[in-house]
Amino acid sequence: MSTYVYGITSGAHPALPEGLGGVGDPPRPVRILKEGELAAIVSEAPEGLRPKRKDLLAHQNVLNEVGAVGSLLPMRFGSVAPDDASVTAVLAERAKHYAERLGALDGKVEYNVKASHDEEAVLHRVMGENPELRAMTEANRQAGGGTYEDRLRLGELVVAAVQVRETEDAAELRRALEPAAAATSAGPDSTGWLANLSFLVDRESAAVFLDAVEEVRKSHPHIEVRVNGPLPPYSFVEPGPAQPAETTH
């Protein structure tokens, strides 16, 4: 039977709440696998596991329950190992790394920040910053819209200017928020976002980080900023003892 891994914690972590259920239908009982000074929070892995809402919530609930009473390295949904022995073998092999991560992440949460441009606002800003674009736009207007080539050239220059502004705004966003965080991790590029960043933040000073986000919104009204958190610090765990199951892809 495959083993589903929710997270890694200290071997001295308090006992699990009685009757804690995990993923699956019916929910698989959650248990602890100990190896040296570490422990993995696991259950049996149901066959055909897919990221359904019920199982996603069950995974998150286990992390919330365990993380509420001690430091925890969360695994992403769908992390499955061949068996218990595979899990404990990785805990033994990477004991030093996991112990360091537990210490570094103790008392910290993750906030994911995604940013995009308000299309109308960024076009207004780009035109305001670029006299050449303003002059070309006015010339086309006076020429009754300009030739096809004129319009094409203007469109290409506007797109290029917006792309430059995206790069600059992403860098400014990161610089503005990093001082309020303990660490930063860049997420995968995603269509529609000029920035996808995760920040490791002290739970007790999360308000300082959120205030910094509000300052960015005020100072950069052409940027739409979406914040998701607090989350378990998924982006700062590094490799775990299990890989996401193929069925969750």
Protein backbone atom coordinates (compact mmCIF):
# COMPACT_ATOMS: atom_id res chain seq x y z
CA MET A 1 0.00 0.00 0.00
CA SER A 2 1.40 3.41 -1.01
CA THR A 3 1.96 6.04 1.68
CA TYR A 4 0.51 9.53 1.44
CA VAL A 5 2.75 12.18 3.04
CA TYR A 6 1.28 15.37 4.50
CA GLY A 7 4.37 16.81 6.09
CA ILE A 8 7.50 16.40 8.18
CA THR A 9 7.92 17.45 11.78
CA SER A 10 10.07 16.82 14.82
CA GLY A 11 9.96 13.41 16.43
CA ALA A 12 9.07 15.24 19.64
CA HIS A 13 5.97 16.82 18.08
CA PRO A 14 2.85 16.43 20.24
CA ALA A 15 0.52 13.55 19.46
CA LEU A 16 -2.02 13.92 16.70
CA PRO A 17 -5.60 14.85 17.59
CA GLU A 18 -7.61 11.71 18.18
CA GLY A 19 -9.48 10.46 15.14
CA LEU A 20 -7.76 12.82 12.67
CA GLY A 21 -8.78 11.79 9.17
CA GLY A 22 -6.97 12.51 5.94
CA VAL A 23 -7.56 12.09 2.23
CA GLY A 24 -9.76 9.38 0.75
CA ASP A 25 -13.35 8.23 1.00
CA PRO A 26 -13.71 7.18 3.71
CA PRO A 27 -10.92 9.38 5.14
CA ARG A 28 -7.74 7.41 5.83
CA PRO A 29 -6.55 7.56 9.46
CA VAL A 30 -3.59 9.89 9.87
CA ARG A 31 -0.58 8.52 11.73
CA ILE A 32 3.04 9.30 12.54
CA LEU A 33 6.16 7.59 11.16
CA LYS A 34 9.23 8.29 13.31
CA GLU A 35 12.83 8.10 12.18
CA GLY A 36 15.51 9.38 14.54
CA GLU A 37 14.65 12.92 15.58
CA LEU A 38 12.17 13.40 12.73
CA ALA A 39 8.66 12.23 11.98
CA ALA A 40 6.43 12.15 8.91
CA ILE A 41 2.69 12.71 9.08
CA VAL A 42 1.17 10.08 6.79
CA SER A 43 -1.82 7.92 5.93
CA GLU A 44 -2.56 5.22 3.42
CA ALA A 45 -2.79 6.64 -0.09
CA PRO A 46 -6.14 5.97 -1.72
CA GLU A 47 -6.04 4.62 -5.25
CA GLY A 48 -6.96 6.97 -8.05
CA LEU A 49 -6.29 10.04 -5.93
CA ARG A 50 -7.25 13.26 -7.69
CA PRO A 51 -7.34 16.88 -6.51
CA LYS A 52 -11.02 16.95 -5.61
CA ARG A 53 -12.22 19.67 -3.26
CA LYS A 54 -12.94 17.20 -0.43
CA ASP A 55 -9.42 15.75 -0.51
CA LEU A 56 -7.76 19.14 -0.93
CA LEU A 57 -9.58 20.35 2.17
CA ALA A 58 -8.66 17.17 4.06
CA HIS A 59 -4.99 17.66 3.21
CA GLN A 60 -5.13 21.28 4.35
CA ASN A 61 -6.96 20.35 7.56
CA VAL A 62 -4.25 17.87 8.54
CA LEU A 63 -1.59 20.53 7.99
CA ASN A 64 -3.57 23.05 10.02
CA GLU A 65 -4.09 20.64 12.93
CA VAL A 66 -0.47 19.50 13.04
CA GLY A 67 1.04 22.93 12.36
CA ALA A 68 -1.03 24.58 15.08
CA VAL A 69 0.99 22.87 17.81
CA GLY A 70 4.48 22.68 16.34
CA SER A 71 6.81 23.40 13.44
CA LEU A 72 5.89 21.54 10.27
CA LEU A 73 7.32 21.14 6.78
CA PRO A 74 4.23 20.82 4.58
CA MET A 75 4.16 18.65 1.48
CA ARG A 76 2.02 19.61 -1.48
CA PHE A 77 -1.19 17.76 -2.18
CA GLY A 78 -0.66 14.41 -3.87
CA SER A 79 2.76 13.56 -2.39
CA VAL A 80 2.89 9.76 -2.41
CA ALA A 81 5.72 7.35 -1.55
CA PRO A 82 5.81 3.63 -2.45
CA ASP A 83 5.57 2.58 1.21
CA ASP A 84 6.41 3.54 4.81
CA ALA A 85 9.99 2.29 4.49
CA SER A 86 10.63 4.67 1.59
CA VAL A 87 9.50 7.59 3.71
CA THR A 88 11.65 6.75 6.73
CA ALA A 89 14.64 6.08 4.45
CA VAL A 90 14.44 9.60 3.05
CA LEU A 91 14.01 11.07 6.54
CA ALA A 92 17.22 9.29 7.59
CA GLU A 93 19.09 10.29 4.47
CA ARG A 94 18.14 13.97 4.66
CA ALA A 95 17.88 14.32 8.43
CA LYS A 96 20.27 17.28 8.64
CA HIS A 97 18.47 19.17 5.88
CA TYR A 98 15.01 18.64 7.36
CA ALA A 99 16.16 19.60 10.85
CA GLU A 100 17.58 22.84 9.45
CA ARG A 101 14.36 23.56 7.54
CA LEU A 102 12.21 22.92 10.61
CA GLY A 103 14.21 25.47 12.53
CA ALA A 104 14.17 28.00 9.72
CA LEU A 105 10.41 27.73 9.16
CA ASP A 106 9.33 27.63 12.78
CA GLY A 107 6.71 30.31 13.40
CA LYS A 108 6.61 31.35 9.74
CA VAL A 109 3.92 31.31 7.06
CA GLU A 110 3.86 31.85 3.33
CA TYR A 111 2.12 34.60 1.39
CA ASN A 112 1.82 34.23 -2.36
CA VAL A 113 1.65 37.49 -4.28
CA LYS A 114 0.59 37.69 -7.91
CA ALA A 115 0.55 40.97 -9.80
CA SER A 116 -0.87 42.05 -13.13
CA HIS A 117 -1.38 45.33 -14.93
CA ASP A 118 -4.64 47.22 -15.18
CA GLU A 119 -4.57 47.47 -18.95
CA GLU A 120 -6.04 50.95 -19.29
CA ALA A 121 -3.98 52.36 -16.43
CA VAL A 122 -0.66 50.97 -17.65
CA LEU A 123 -1.29 52.24 -21.18
CA HIS A 124 -1.96 55.68 -19.76
CA ARG A 125 1.27 55.49 -17.76
CA VAL A 126 3.34 54.23 -20.68
CA MET A 127 2.08 57.00 -22.93
CA GLY A 128 2.77 59.57 -20.24
CA GLU A 129 6.35 58.37 -19.85
CA ASN A 130 7.16 58.19 -23.58
CA PRO A 131 7.17 61.40 -25.66
CA GLU A 132 7.89 59.41 -28.85
CA LEU A 133 4.72 57.36 -28.44
CA ARG A 134 2.66 60.47 -27.75
CA ALA A 135 4.05 62.16 -30.86
CA MET A 136 3.34 59.13 -33.05
CA THR A 137 -0.18 58.84 -31.68
CA GLU A 138 -0.86 62.50 -32.39
CA ALA A 139 0.62 62.25 -35.89
CA ASN A 140 -1.60 59.27 -36.68
CA ARG A 141 -4.64 61.13 -35.32
CA GLN A 142 -3.96 64.15 -37.48
CA ALA A 143 -3.50 61.86 -40.48
CA GLY A 144 -6.93 60.36 -39.95
CA GLY A 145 -5.57 57.31 -38.17
CA GLY A 146 -2.40 56.89 -40.19
CA THR A 147 -1.45 54.18 -42.64
CA TYR A 148 -1.60 50.49 -41.77
CA GLU A 149 2.19 50.49 -41.41
CA ASP A 150 2.03 53.52 -39.09
CA ARG A 151 -0.57 51.86 -36.88
CA LEU A 152 1.37 48.59 -36.84
CA ARG A 153 4.59 50.34 -35.87
CA LEU A 154 2.85 52.28 -33.09
CA GLY A 155 1.26 49.08 -31.76
CA GLU A 156 4.62 47.29 -31.71
CA LEU A 157 6.24 50.16 -29.81
CA VAL A 158 3.42 50.27 -27.27
CA VAL A 159 3.64 46.51 -26.65
CA ALA A 160 7.40 46.79 -26.19
CA ALA A 161 7.00 49.67 -23.75
CA VAL A 162 4.41 47.75 -21.73
CA GLN A 163 6.75 44.73 -21.56
CA VAL A 164 9.54 46.94 -20.23
CA ARG A 165 7.14 48.36 -17.65
CA GLU A 166 6.14 44.81 -16.64
CA THR A 167 9.77 43.90 -15.96
CA GLU A 168 10.38 47.10 -14.03
CA ASP A 169 7.19 46.78 -11.99
CA ALA A 170 7.95 43.16 -11.10
CA ALA A 171 11.36 44.22 -9.81
CA GLU A 172 9.88 47.15 -7.88
CA LEU A 173 7.24 44.90 -6.31
CA ARG A 174 9.87 42.45 -5.13
CA ARG A 175 12.13 45.20 -3.75
CA ALA A 176 9.21 46.74 -1.87
CA LEU A 177 8.08 43.50 -0.19
CA GLU A 178 11.35 41.68 0.49
CA PRO A 179 12.32 43.80 3.53
CA ALA A 180 9.13 42.60 5.30
CA ALA A 181 9.88 38.92 4.63
CA ALA A 182 12.46 36.40 5.79
CA ALA A 183 12.85 34.86 2.33
CA THR A 184 11.44 35.06 -1.18
CA SER A 185 10.77 32.37 -3.76
CA ALA A 186 9.86 33.06 -7.38
CA GLY A 187 7.02 30.89 -8.67
CA PRO A 188 6.68 29.57 -12.21
CA ASP A 189 5.90 32.07 -14.95
CA SER A 190 2.21 32.21 -15.64
CA THR A 191 0.30 33.87 -18.44
CA GLY A 192 -1.39 37.04 -17.31
CA TRP A 193 0.89 37.77 -14.33
CA LEU A 194 3.87 40.09 -14.34
CA ALA A 195 5.00 38.62 -11.01
CA ASN A 196 4.35 35.41 -9.09
CA LEU A 197 6.25 35.50 -5.82
CA SER A 198 6.04 33.68 -2.50
CA PHE A 199 7.26 35.34 0.69
CA LEU A 200 8.21 33.66 3.95
CA VAL A 201 6.85 35.82 6.75
CA ASP A 202 6.98 35.65 10.55
CA ARG A 203 3.47 34.79 11.66
CA GLU A 204 3.62 37.39 14.45
CA SER A 205 4.59 40.22 12.11
CA ALA A 206 2.35 39.36 9.15
CA ALA A 207 0.62 42.72 9.53
CA VAL A 208 3.87 44.48 8.59
CA PHE A 209 4.05 42.49 5.36
CA LEU A 210 0.41 43.16 4.50
CA ASP A 211 0.95 46.87 5.16
CA ALA A 212 3.84 46.79 2.67
CA VAL A 213 1.49 45.23 0.10
CA GLU A 214 -1.01 48.04 0.64
CA GLU A 215 1.74 50.61 0.13
CA VAL A 216 2.57 49.04 -3.24
CA ARG A 217 -1.09 49.23 -4.23
CA LYS A 218 -1.21 52.91 -3.31
CA SER A 219 2.07 53.85 -5.00
CA HIS A 220 1.46 51.73 -8.12
CA PRO A 221 -2.26 52.11 -8.92
CA HIS A 222 -1.71 50.62 -12.38
CA ILE A 223 -0.76 47.28 -10.76
CA GLU A 224 -3.39 44.84 -9.52
CA VAL A 225 -1.98 42.83 -6.62
CA ARG A 226 -3.54 39.60 -5.35
CA VAL A 227 -2.42 38.11 -2.05
CA ASN A 228 -3.10 34.54 -0.93
CA GLY A 229 -2.23 33.60 2.65
CA PRO A 230 -1.30 32.86 5.25
CA LEU A 231 -0.36 29.45 3.82
CA PRO A 232 1.87 26.64 5.03
CA PRO A 233 5.37 27.47 3.70
CA TYR A 234 5.24 25.06 0.74
CA SER A 235 7.68 27.05 -1.37
CA PHE A 236 10.45 26.92 1.23
CA VAL A 237 10.55 23.21 2.13
CA GLU A 238 12.65 21.99 -0.82
CA PRO A 239 12.58 18.31 -1.85
CA GLY A 240 10.44 16.01 0.28
CA PRO A 241 10.28 12.24 0.81
CA ALA A 242 7.57 11.73 -1.80
CA GLN A 243 6.64 12.91 -5.25
CA PRO A 244 3.22 14.12 -6.36
CA ALA A 245 1.16 11.22 -7.59
CA GLU A 246 0.72 11.04 -11.36
CA THR A 247 -3.05 11.00 -10.86
CA THR A 248 -2.98 14.60 -9.60
CA HIS A 249 -1.43 16.03 -12.76
